[in-house]
Amino acid sequence: MTLMARANGIDIAYDPIGDPQDRPLLLIMGLGSQLVHWDDEFCELLSRRGHHVVRFDNRDVGLSTHFRKAGVPDLTPGAAAPYLLSDMAGDAAGLMDALGWPAAHVVGISMGGMIAQALAIGHPGRVLTLTSIMSTPSPEAGPPTPEAMAALFGPPAADRQGAIERALEVWSVIGSPGYPLDRERVARLAGLAFDRDHDPAGTTRQLAAILASGDRSEGLAGVRVPTLVVHGEADPLVQVSGGRATAAAIPGARLMTFEGMGHDLPRPLWEPVMNAITDLQARSAAAAAG
């Protein structure tokens, strides 16, 4: 059930899952991806573990506000961006305000991990635990391989079938080589995302925000909440050095890497990742009690 909230001066589409009395868990999705890319079953499994899960569309994707008047930004080094990752972190904090959440456990994937990092830096009291998955503190850490860059910057789809075919091409390059690609799932989600919204320029504006936001390592050194960093050892889009740099930047962070995992979260890895998130929250509860 998708709802709308006014937050940080924009409209944000979000989807709550589970009992509102349970532990608040905010899921932040990655570049060009919508809330539907958080798998329904993944969210349901988290809710069964005692979480009130909220997934949402970042600005410039899905049903949230798009900055179309900003056009297509310049991606050359040093160019200005329509907004920064800190603004997107402000969106997440504003959504938490709208939900009545003083703080939440925060899980971000890829660009969503960068936003989660920015949230922990800029709004430290709002983050109970931080989980950064297949992400990086800087565009310079864990840079994409040439093959991943070519897949990412391929021509945008012109229609629904083209969006499905492009998604299959991209995930065949950046997905997990150690696990079979679920082509049916990729195709279904690509079609669903196209039906909800199709704005390739919005993805470019998000990418501009990543490039213009620079290095968060110094800010992450001040993060004091229990932190989990998850990364695939075979990730070609954000190479594992990006995850290692994230974990090195945050005092006490736990680094969990998986052989054969690329730039996605295969179904067989859900349980160990969810177990690690639950353990992280136990550390948070113990720290609060002690």
C-alpha atoms as a PDB file:
ATOM      1  CA  MET A   1       0.000   0.000   0.000  1.00  0.00           C
ATOM      2  CA  THR A   2       1.776   3.126  -1.209  1.00  0.00           C
ATOM      3  CA  LEU A   3       1.142   6.309   0.774  1.00  0.00           C
ATOM      4  CA  MET A   4       2.349   9.885   0.296  1.00  0.00           C
ATOM      5  CA  ALA A   5       4.067  12.170   2.796  1.00  0.00           C
ATOM      6  CA  ARG A   6       5.162  15.789   2.566  1.00  0.00           C
ATOM      7  CA  ALA A   7       8.750  15.875   3.796  1.00  0.00           C
ATOM      8  CA  ASN A   8      11.713  18.227   3.343  1.00  0.00           C
ATOM      9  CA  GLY A   9       9.672  20.324   0.920  1.00  0.00           C
ATOM     10  CA  ILE A  10       8.851  17.458  -1.468  1.00  0.00           C
ATOM     11  CA  ASP A  11       6.338  14.628  -1.780  1.00  0.00           C
ATOM     12  CA  ILE A  12       7.669  11.181  -0.891  1.00  0.00           C
ATOM     13  CA  ALA A  13       5.932   7.923  -1.787  1.00  0.00           C
ATOM     14  CA  TYR A  14       6.380   5.236   0.847  1.00  0.00           C
ATOM     15  CA  ASP A  15       5.141   1.781   1.704  1.00  0.00           C
ATOM     16  CA  PRO A  16       4.789   0.669   5.361  1.00  0.00           C
ATOM     17  CA  ILE A  17       4.985  -3.049   6.147  1.00  0.00           C
ATOM     18  CA  GLY A  18       4.352  -4.680   9.515  1.00  0.00           C
ATOM     19  CA  ASP A  19       3.152  -3.579  12.945  1.00  0.00           C
ATOM     20  CA  PRO A  20       3.656   0.144  13.695  1.00  0.00           C
ATOM     21  CA  GLN A  21       4.457  -0.835  17.295  1.00  0.00           C
ATOM     22  CA  ASP A  22       7.517  -2.818  16.202  1.00  0.00           C
ATOM     23  CA  ARG A  23      11.093  -1.548  15.806  1.00  0.00           C
ATOM     24  CA  PRO A  24      11.265   1.140  13.081  1.00  0.00           C
ATOM     25  CA  LEU A  25      13.369   0.111  10.076  1.00  0.00           C
ATOM     26  CA  LEU A  26      13.928   2.464   7.136  1.00  0.00           C
ATOM     27  CA  LEU A  27      15.053   0.959   3.820  1.00  0.00           C
ATOM     28  CA  ILE A  28      16.807   3.295   1.355  1.00  0.00           C
ATOM     29  CA  MET A  29      17.141   2.136  -2.253  1.00  0.00           C
ATOM     30  CA  GLY A  30      19.898   2.772  -4.776  1.00  0.00           C
ATOM     31  CA  LEU A  31      20.525   4.711  -7.976  1.00  0.00           C
ATOM     32  CA  GLY A  32      17.525   4.883 -10.291  1.00  0.00           C
ATOM     33  CA  SER A  33      15.702   2.211  -8.290  1.00  0.00           C
ATOM     34  CA  GLN A  34      12.249   2.449  -6.778  1.00  0.00           C
ATOM     35  CA  LEU A  35      10.724   1.170  -3.561  1.00  0.00           C
ATOM     36  CA  VAL A  36       9.472  -1.897  -5.449  1.00  0.00           C
ATOM     37  CA  HIS A  37      13.084  -2.998  -5.903  1.00  0.00           C
ATOM     38  CA  TRP A  38      13.067  -3.888  -2.195  1.00  0.00           C
ATOM     39  CA  ASP A  39      11.667  -7.380  -2.647  1.00  0.00           C
ATOM     40  CA  ASP A  40       8.221  -7.880  -1.073  1.00  0.00           C
ATOM     41  CA  GLU A  41       9.308 -11.135   0.577  1.00  0.00           C
ATOM     42  CA  PHE A  42      12.482  -9.530   1.933  1.00  0.00           C
ATOM     43  CA  CYS A  43      10.385  -6.815   3.594  1.00  0.00           C
ATOM     44  CA  GLU A  44       7.879  -9.346   4.937  1.00  0.00           C
ATOM     45  CA  LEU A  45      10.661 -11.441   6.449  1.00  0.00           C
ATOM     46  CA  LEU A  46      12.070  -8.351   8.150  1.00  0.00           C
ATOM     47  CA  SER A  47       8.627  -7.502   9.529  1.00  0.00           C
ATOM     48  CA  ARG A  48       8.298 -11.024  10.954  1.00  0.00           C
ATOM     49  CA  ARG A  49      11.517 -10.388  12.864  1.00  0.00           C
ATOM     50  CA  GLY A  50       9.814  -7.550  14.737  1.00  0.00           C
ATOM     51  CA  HIS A  51      10.364  -4.588  12.431  1.00  0.00           C
ATOM     52  CA  HIS A  52       7.992  -1.936  11.208  1.00  0.00           C
ATOM     53  CA  VAL A  53       9.499  -1.649   7.740  1.00  0.00           C
ATOM     54  CA  VAL A  54       9.178   1.443   5.561  1.00  0.00           C
ATOM     55  CA  ARG A  55      10.526   1.502   1.998  1.00  0.00           C
ATOM     56  CA  PHE A  56      10.222   4.638  -0.133  1.00  0.00           C
ATOM     57  CA  ASP A  57      10.935   6.230  -3.480  1.00  0.00           C
ATOM     58  CA  ASN A  58      13.894   8.588  -3.361  1.00  0.00           C
ATOM     59  CA  ARG A  59      13.459  11.963  -5.041  1.00  0.00           C
ATOM     60  CA  ASP A  60      13.590  11.737  -8.856  1.00  0.00           C
ATOM     61  CA  VAL A  61      12.322   8.149  -9.052  1.00  0.00           C
ATOM     62  CA  GLY A  62       8.954   6.455  -8.789  1.00  0.00           C
ATOM     63  CA  LEU A  63       6.054   8.439  -7.385  1.00  0.00           C
ATOM     64  CA  SER A  64       8.100  10.902  -5.320  1.00  0.00           C
ATOM     65  CA  THR A  65       8.811  14.453  -6.509  1.00  0.00           C
ATOM     66  CA  HIS A  66      10.918  14.718  -9.673  1.00  0.00           C
ATOM     67  CA  PHE A  67      13.212  17.670 -10.361  1.00  0.00           C
ATOM     68  CA  ARG A  68      12.458  17.762 -14.072  1.00  0.00           C
ATOM     69  CA  LYS A  69      13.019  21.514 -14.352  1.00  0.00           C
ATOM     70  CA  ALA A  70      16.687  20.875 -13.515  1.00  0.00           C
ATOM     71  CA  GLY A  71      17.041  18.958 -16.786  1.00  0.00           C
ATOM     72  CA  VAL A  72      19.976  16.640 -17.458  1.00  0.00           C
ATOM     73  CA  PRO A  73      22.992  17.663 -15.360  1.00  0.00           C
ATOM     74  CA  ASP A  74      26.637  17.810 -16.377  1.00  0.00           C
ATOM     75  CA  LEU A  75      28.546  14.810 -14.997  1.00  0.00           C
ATOM     76  CA  THR A  76      32.044  16.165 -15.583  1.00  0.00           C
ATOM     77  CA  PRO A  77      34.260  16.488 -12.479  1.00  0.00           C
ATOM     78  CA  GLY A  78      33.586  19.622 -10.490  1.00  0.00           C
ATOM     79  CA  ALA A  79      30.204  20.310 -12.103  1.00  0.00           C
ATOM     80  CA  ALA A  80      27.352  21.510  -9.912  1.00  0.00           C
ATOM     81  CA  ALA A  81      24.452  19.165  -9.172  1.00  0.00           C
ATOM     82  CA  PRO A  82      20.761  20.034  -8.667  1.00  0.00           C
ATOM     83  CA  TYR A  83      21.016  18.565  -5.162  1.00  0.00           C
ATOM     84  CA  LEU A  84      23.400  16.512  -3.008  1.00  0.00           C
ATOM     85  CA  LEU A  85      23.214  13.267  -1.075  1.00  0.00           C
ATOM     86  CA  SER A  86      22.826  15.371   2.081  1.00  0.00           C
ATOM     87  CA  ASP A  87      19.561  16.703   0.626  1.00  0.00           C
ATOM     88  CA  MET A  88      18.404  13.142  -0.005  1.00  0.00           C
ATOM     89  CA  ALA A  89      19.335  12.301   3.588  1.00  0.00           C
ATOM     90  CA  GLY A  90      17.172  15.269   4.588  1.00  0.00           C
ATOM     91  CA  ASP A  91      14.314  13.632   2.670  1.00  0.00           C
ATOM     92  CA  ALA A  92      14.772  10.468   4.742  1.00  0.00           C
ATOM     93  CA  ALA A  93      14.825  12.459   7.987  1.00  0.00           C
ATOM     94  CA  GLY A  94      11.729  14.358   6.877  1.00  0.00           C
ATOM     95  CA  LEU A  95       9.932  11.104   6.119  1.00  0.00           C
ATOM     96  CA  MET A  96      10.806   9.899   9.611  1.00  0.00           C
ATOM     97  CA  ASP A  97       9.255  13.099  10.964  1.00  0.00           C
ATOM     98  CA  ALA A  98       6.084  12.410   8.986  1.00  0.00           C
ATOM     99  CA  LEU A  99       6.013   8.857  10.361  1.00  0.00           C
ATOM    100  CA  GLY A 100       6.471  10.086  13.924  1.00  0.00           C
ATOM    101  CA  TRP A 101       9.788   8.265  14.261  1.00  0.00           C
ATOM    102  CA  PRO A 102      12.311  10.046  16.507  1.00  0.00           C
ATOM    103  CA  ALA A 103      14.928   7.562  15.249  1.00  0.00           C
ATOM    104  CA  ALA A 104      15.132   4.334  13.248  1.00  0.00           C
ATOM    105  CA  HIS A 105      17.341   1.469  12.240  1.00  0.00           C
ATOM    106  CA  VAL A 106      18.532   2.416   8.756  1.00  0.00           C
ATOM    107  CA  VAL A 107      19.500   0.077   5.912  1.00  0.00           C
ATOM    108  CA  GLY A 108      20.745   1.485   2.607  1.00  0.00           C
ATOM    109  CA  ILE A 109      21.820  -0.310  -0.534  1.00  0.00           C
ATOM    110  CA  SER A 110      24.279   1.139  -3.109  1.00  0.00           C
ATOM    111  CA  MET A 111      23.406   4.866  -3.420  1.00  0.00           C
ATOM    112  CA  GLY A 112      20.967   4.200  -0.580  1.00  0.00           C
ATOM    113  CA  GLY A 113      23.966   3.229   1.548  1.00  0.00           C
ATOM    114  CA  MET A 114      25.552   6.570   0.710  1.00  0.00           C
ATOM    115  CA  ILE A 115      22.342   8.353   1.733  1.00  0.00           C
ATOM    116  CA  ALA A 116      22.231   6.313   4.949  1.00  0.00           C
ATOM    117  CA  GLN A 117      25.832   7.349   5.657  1.00  0.00           C
ATOM    118  CA  ALA A 118      24.930  10.999   5.047  1.00  0.00           C
ATOM    119  CA  LEU A 119      21.933  10.598   7.362  1.00  0.00           C
ATOM    120  CA  ALA A 120      24.143   9.215  10.140  1.00  0.00           C
ATOM    121  CA  ILE A 121      26.567  12.112   9.658  1.00  0.00           C
ATOM    122  CA  GLY A 122      24.095  14.970   9.285  1.00  0.00           C
ATOM    123  CA  HIS A 123      21.294  13.699  11.537  1.00  0.00           C
ATOM    124  CA  PRO A 124      23.138  11.511  14.064  1.00  0.00           C
ATOM    125  CA  GLY A 125      20.326  11.332  16.599  1.00  0.00           C
ATOM    126  CA  ARG A 126      17.968   9.831  14.030  1.00  0.00           C
ATOM    127  CA  VAL A 127      19.966   6.643  13.338  1.00  0.00           C
ATOM    128  CA  LEU A 128      19.859   3.777  15.860  1.00  0.00           C
ATOM    129  CA  THR A 129      21.918   1.398  13.737  1.00  0.00           C
ATOM    130  CA  LEU A 130      23.432   1.784  10.292  1.00  0.00           C
ATOM    131  CA  THR A 131      23.656  -0.944   7.654  1.00  0.00           C
ATOM    132  CA  SER A 132      25.476   0.028   4.458  1.00  0.00           C
ATOM    133  CA  ILE A 133      25.187  -2.590   1.693  1.00  0.00           C
ATOM    134  CA  MET A 134      27.333  -2.619  -1.493  1.00  0.00           C
ATOM    135  CA  SER A 135      28.155   1.055  -0.985  1.00  0.00           C
ATOM    136  CA  THR A 136      31.146   3.363  -0.548  1.00  0.00           C
ATOM    137  CA  PRO A 137      32.151   6.552   1.292  1.00  0.00           C
ATOM    138  CA  SER A 138      33.495   8.166  -1.883  1.00  0.00           C
ATOM    139  CA  PRO A 139      33.239   7.946  -5.682  1.00  0.00           C
ATOM    140  CA  GLU A 140      36.974   7.252  -5.604  1.00  0.00           C
ATOM    141  CA  ALA A 141      36.661   4.141  -3.416  1.00  0.00           C
ATOM    142  CA  GLY A 142      35.565   0.961  -5.160  1.00  0.00           C
ATOM    143  CA  PRO A 143      35.200   2.460  -8.661  1.00  0.00           C
ATOM    144  CA  PRO A 144      33.239   0.481 -11.255  1.00  0.00           C
ATOM    145  CA  THR A 145      34.911  -1.788 -13.759  1.00  0.00           C
ATOM    146  CA  PRO A 146      34.830  -0.701 -17.423  1.00  0.00           C
ATOM    147  CA  GLU A 147      32.212  -3.386 -18.122  1.00  0.00           C
ATOM    148  CA  ALA A 148      29.980  -2.141 -15.312  1.00  0.00           C
ATOM    149  CA  MET A 149      30.386   1.457 -16.484  1.00  0.00           C
ATOM    150  CA  ALA A 150      29.364   0.465 -20.000  1.00  0.00           C
ATOM    151  CA  ALA A 151      26.274  -1.309 -18.676  1.00  0.00           C
ATOM    152  CA  LEU A 152      25.322   1.583 -16.410  1.00  0.00           C
ATOM    153  CA  PHE A 153      25.671   4.222 -19.120  1.00  0.00           C
ATOM    154  CA  GLY A 154      23.908   2.360 -21.898  1.00  0.00           C
ATOM    155  CA  PRO A 155      21.164   4.162 -23.817  1.00  0.00           C
ATOM    156  CA  PRO A 156      17.880   4.562 -21.885  1.00  0.00           C
ATOM    157  CA  ALA A 157      14.911   2.450 -22.869  1.00  0.00           C
ATOM    158  CA  ALA A 158      12.256   3.979 -25.125  1.00  0.00           C
ATOM    159  CA  ASP A 159       9.386   1.714 -24.065  1.00  0.00           C
ATOM    160  CA  ARG A 160       8.336  -0.918 -21.521  1.00  0.00           C
ATOM    161  CA  GLN A 161       9.806  -3.880 -23.382  1.00  0.00           C
ATOM    162  CA  GLY A 162      13.019  -1.961 -23.907  1.00  0.00           C
ATOM    163  CA  ALA A 163      13.182  -1.252 -20.159  1.00  0.00           C
ATOM    164  CA  ILE A 164      12.835  -4.957 -19.419  1.00  0.00           C
ATOM    165  CA  GLU A 165      15.523  -5.910 -21.943  1.00  0.00           C
ATOM    166  CA  ARG A 166      17.885  -3.232 -20.659  1.00  0.00           C
ATOM    167  CA  ALA A 167      17.397  -4.374 -17.046  1.00  0.00           C
ATOM    168  CA  LEU A 168      18.239  -7.943 -18.032  1.00  0.00           C
ATOM    169  CA  GLU A 169      21.364  -6.745 -19.844  1.00  0.00           C
ATOM    170  CA  VAL A 170      22.505  -4.617 -16.899  1.00  0.00           C
ATOM    171  CA  TRP A 171      21.946  -7.245 -14.220  1.00  0.00           C
ATOM    172  CA  SER A 172      23.643  -9.903 -16.313  1.00  0.00           C
ATOM    173  CA  VAL A 173      26.765  -7.713 -16.016  1.00  0.00           C
ATOM    174  CA  ILE A 174      26.552  -6.354 -12.460  1.00  0.00           C
ATOM    175  CA  GLY A 175      24.648  -9.174 -10.735  1.00  0.00           C
ATOM    176  CA  SER A 176      26.154 -11.963  -8.659  1.00  0.00           C
ATOM    177  CA  PRO A 177      28.265 -14.422 -10.682  1.00  0.00           C
ATOM    178  CA  GLY A 178      28.098 -16.958  -7.862  1.00  0.00           C
ATOM    179  CA  TYR A 179      24.297 -17.141  -7.982  1.00  0.00           C
ATOM    180  CA  PRO A 180      21.873 -17.677 -10.884  1.00  0.00           C
ATOM    181  CA  LEU A 181      20.221 -14.525 -12.206  1.00  0.00           C
ATOM    182  CA  ASP A 182      16.478 -14.591 -11.526  1.00  0.00           C
ATOM    183  CA  ARG A 183      15.490 -13.324 -14.959  1.00  0.00           C
ATOM    184  CA  GLU A 184      11.781 -13.548 -14.232  1.00  0.00           C
ATOM    185  CA  ARG A 185      12.147 -11.344 -11.154  1.00  0.00           C
ATOM    186  CA  VAL A 186      14.343  -8.805 -12.964  1.00  0.00           C
ATOM    187  CA  ALA A 187      11.873  -8.601 -15.864  1.00  0.00           C
ATOM    188  CA  ARG A 188       8.855  -8.316 -13.557  1.00  0.00           C
ATOM    189  CA  LEU A 189      10.375  -5.526 -11.481  1.00  0.00           C
ATOM    190  CA  ALA A 190      11.608  -3.649 -14.572  1.00  0.00           C
ATOM    191  CA  GLY A 191       8.098  -3.694 -16.017  1.00  0.00           C
ATOM    192  CA  LEU A 192       6.545  -2.649 -12.715  1.00  0.00           C
ATOM    193  CA  ALA A 193       9.031   0.206 -12.288  1.00  0.00           C
ATOM    194  CA  PHE A 194       8.390   1.397 -15.859  1.00  0.00           C
ATOM    195  CA  ASP A 195       4.637   1.391 -15.213  1.00  0.00           C
ATOM    196  CA  ARG A 196       5.062   3.446 -12.018  1.00  0.00           C
ATOM    197  CA  ASP A 197       7.396   5.999 -13.631  1.00  0.00           C
ATOM    198  CA  HIS A 198      10.098   6.283 -16.297  1.00  0.00           C
ATOM    199  CA  ASP A 199      12.489   9.220 -15.963  1.00  0.00           C
ATOM    200  CA  PRO A 200      16.072   8.441 -17.086  1.00  0.00           C
ATOM    201  CA  ALA A 201      17.068  12.067 -16.487  1.00  0.00           C
ATOM    202  CA  GLY A 202      16.072  11.624 -12.834  1.00  0.00           C
ATOM    203  CA  THR A 203      18.616   8.829 -12.511  1.00  0.00           C
ATOM    204  CA  THR A 204      21.252  11.117 -14.043  1.00  0.00           C
ATOM    205  CA  ARG A 205      20.411  13.809 -11.485  1.00  0.00           C
ATOM    206  CA  GLN A 206      20.873  11.246  -8.699  1.00  0.00           C
ATOM    207  CA  LEU A 207      24.219  10.251 -10.193  1.00  0.00           C
ATOM    208  CA  ALA A 208      25.239  13.909 -10.282  1.00  0.00           C
ATOM    209  CA  ALA A 209      24.439  14.085  -6.558  1.00  0.00           C
ATOM    210  CA  ILE A 210      26.754  11.139  -5.885  1.00  0.00           C
ATOM    211  CA  LEU A 211      29.622  12.686  -7.847  1.00  0.00           C
ATOM    212  CA  ALA A 212      29.184  16.176  -6.363  1.00  0.00           C
ATOM    213  CA  SER A 213      28.906  14.991  -2.750  1.00  0.00           C
ATOM    214  CA  GLY A 214      32.546  13.983  -2.485  1.00  0.00           C
ATOM    215  CA  ASP A 215      34.140  11.913   0.266  1.00  0.00           C
ATOM    216  CA  ARG A 216      32.251  11.176   3.509  1.00  0.00           C
ATOM    217  CA  SER A 217      35.152   9.442   5.272  1.00  0.00           C
ATOM    218  CA  GLU A 218      35.900  12.338   7.620  1.00  0.00           C
ATOM    219  CA  GLY A 219      32.264  12.628   8.643  1.00  0.00           C
ATOM    220  CA  LEU A 220      31.941   8.865   9.074  1.00  0.00           C
ATOM    221  CA  ALA A 221      34.791   8.943  11.577  1.00  0.00           C
ATOM    222  CA  GLY A 222      32.353  10.643  13.942  1.00  0.00           C
ATOM    223  CA  VAL A 223      29.598   8.023  13.599  1.00  0.00           C
ATOM    224  CA  ARG A 224      29.078   6.234  16.914  1.00  0.00           C
ATOM    225  CA  VAL A 225      26.138   3.926  16.250  1.00  0.00           C
ATOM    226  CA  PRO A 226      26.521   0.161  15.701  1.00  0.00           C
ATOM    227  CA  THR A 227      27.312  -0.270  12.016  1.00  0.00           C
ATOM    228  CA  LEU A 228      27.244  -3.196   9.608  1.00  0.00           C
ATOM    229  CA  VAL A 229      28.879  -3.053   6.177  1.00  0.00           C
ATOM    230  CA  VAL A 230      27.866  -5.741   3.667  1.00  0.00           C
ATOM    231  CA  HIS A 231      29.592  -6.172   0.318  1.00  0.00           C
ATOM    232  CA  GLY A 232      30.022  -8.659  -2.481  1.00  0.00           C
ATOM    233  CA  GLU A 233      33.562  -9.733  -3.277  1.00  0.00           C
ATOM    234  CA  ALA A 234      32.566  -9.952  -6.966  1.00  0.00           C
ATOM    235  CA  ASP A 235      30.790  -6.571  -7.176  1.00  0.00           C
ATOM    236  CA  PRO A 236      31.822  -4.851 -10.439  1.00  0.00           C
ATOM    237  CA  LEU A 237      29.787  -1.657  -9.962  1.00  0.00           C
ATOM    238  CA  VAL A 238      31.017  -0.706  -6.480  1.00  0.00           C
ATOM    239  CA  GLN A 239      34.028  -2.928  -5.984  1.00  0.00           C
ATOM    240  CA  VAL A 240      34.633  -4.492  -2.580  1.00  0.00           C
ATOM    241  CA  SER A 241      37.289  -1.882  -1.761  1.00  0.00           C
ATOM    242  CA  GLY A 242      34.384   0.555  -1.392  1.00  0.00           C
ATOM    243  CA  GLY A 243      32.883  -1.573   1.364  1.00  0.00           C
ATOM    244  CA  ARG A 244      36.249  -1.969   3.031  1.00  0.00           C
ATOM    245  CA  ALA A 245      36.735   1.818   2.937  1.00  0.00           C
ATOM    246  CA  THR A 246      33.297   2.320   4.521  1.00  0.00           C
ATOM    247  CA  ALA A 247      34.056  -0.097   7.338  1.00  0.00           C
ATOM    248  CA  ALA A 248      37.501   1.438   7.896  1.00  0.00           C
ATOM    249  CA  ALA A 249      36.003   4.914   8.161  1.00  0.00           C
ATOM    250  CA  ILE A 250      33.430   4.073  10.869  1.00  0.00           C
ATOM    251  CA  PRO A 251      34.763   3.188  14.330  1.00  0.00           C
ATOM    252  CA  GLY A 252      33.785  -0.336  15.341  1.00  0.00           C
ATOM    253  CA  ALA A 253      31.996  -1.167  12.093  1.00  0.00           C
ATOM    254  CA  ARG A 254      31.586  -4.849  11.221  1.00  0.00           C
ATOM    255  CA  LEU A 255      32.490  -5.803   7.648  1.00  0.00           C
ATOM    256  CA  MET A 256      30.709  -8.802   6.121  1.00  0.00           C
ATOM    257  CA  THR A 257      31.710  -9.859   2.597  1.00  0.00           C
ATOM    258  CA  PHE A 258      30.395 -12.696   0.461  1.00  0.00           C
ATOM    259  CA  GLU A 259      32.217 -14.619  -2.219  1.00  0.00           C
ATOM    260  CA  GLY A 260      30.295 -14.698  -5.509  1.00  0.00           C
ATOM    261  CA  MET A 261      28.055 -11.745  -4.587  1.00  0.00           C
ATOM    262  CA  GLY A 262      27.912  -8.916  -7.117  1.00  0.00           C
ATOM    263  CA  HIS A 263      25.858  -5.735  -7.046  1.00  0.00           C
ATOM    264  CA  ASP A 264      22.688  -7.362  -5.835  1.00  0.00           C
ATOM    265  CA  LEU A 265      21.491  -9.313  -2.812  1.00  0.00           C
ATOM    266  CA  PRO A 266      20.780 -12.917  -3.873  1.00  0.00           C
ATOM    267  CA  ARG A 267      17.983 -14.768  -2.074  1.00  0.00           C
ATOM    268  CA  PRO A 268      20.344 -17.283  -0.379  1.00  0.00           C
ATOM    269  CA  LEU A 269      22.144 -14.390   1.364  1.00  0.00           C
ATOM    270  CA  TRP A 270      19.030 -12.839   2.878  1.00  0.00           C
ATOM    271  CA  GLU A 271      19.114 -14.905   6.056  1.00  0.00           C
ATOM    272  CA  PRO A 272      22.748 -14.219   7.017  1.00  0.00           C
ATOM    273  CA  VAL A 273      22.289 -10.513   6.270  1.00  0.00           C
ATOM    274  CA  MET A 274      19.056 -10.341   8.284  1.00  0.00           C
ATOM    275  CA  ASN A 275      20.738 -12.211  11.142  1.00  0.00           C
ATOM    276  CA  ALA A 276      23.571  -9.674  11.112  1.00  0.00           C
ATOM    277  CA  ILE A 277      21.100  -6.756  11.122  1.00  0.00           C
ATOM    278  CA  THR A 278      19.287  -8.325  14.093  1.00  0.00           C
ATOM    279  CA  ASP A 279      22.587  -8.813  15.940  1.00  0.00           C
ATOM    280  CA  LEU A 280      23.434  -5.185  15.248  1.00  0.00           C
ATOM    281  CA  GLN A 281      20.174  -4.079  16.828  1.00  0.00           C
ATOM    282  CA  ALA A 282      20.911  -6.214  19.879  1.00  0.00           C
ATOM    283  CA  ARG A 283      24.206  -4.335  20.224  1.00  0.00           C
ATOM    284  CA  SER A 284      22.281  -1.059  19.996  1.00  0.00           C
ATOM    285  CA  ALA A 285      19.809  -2.137  22.666  1.00  0.00           C
ATOM    286  CA  ALA A 286      22.634  -3.284  24.954  1.00  0.00           C
ATOM    287  CA  ALA A 287      24.459   0.028  24.496  1.00  0.00           C
ATOM    288  CA  ALA A 288      21.280   1.973  25.287  1.00  0.00           C
ATOM    289  CA  ALA A 289      20.677  -0.125  28.412  1.00  0.00           C
ATOM    290  CA  GLY A 290      24.277   0.124  29.570  1.00  0.00           C
END
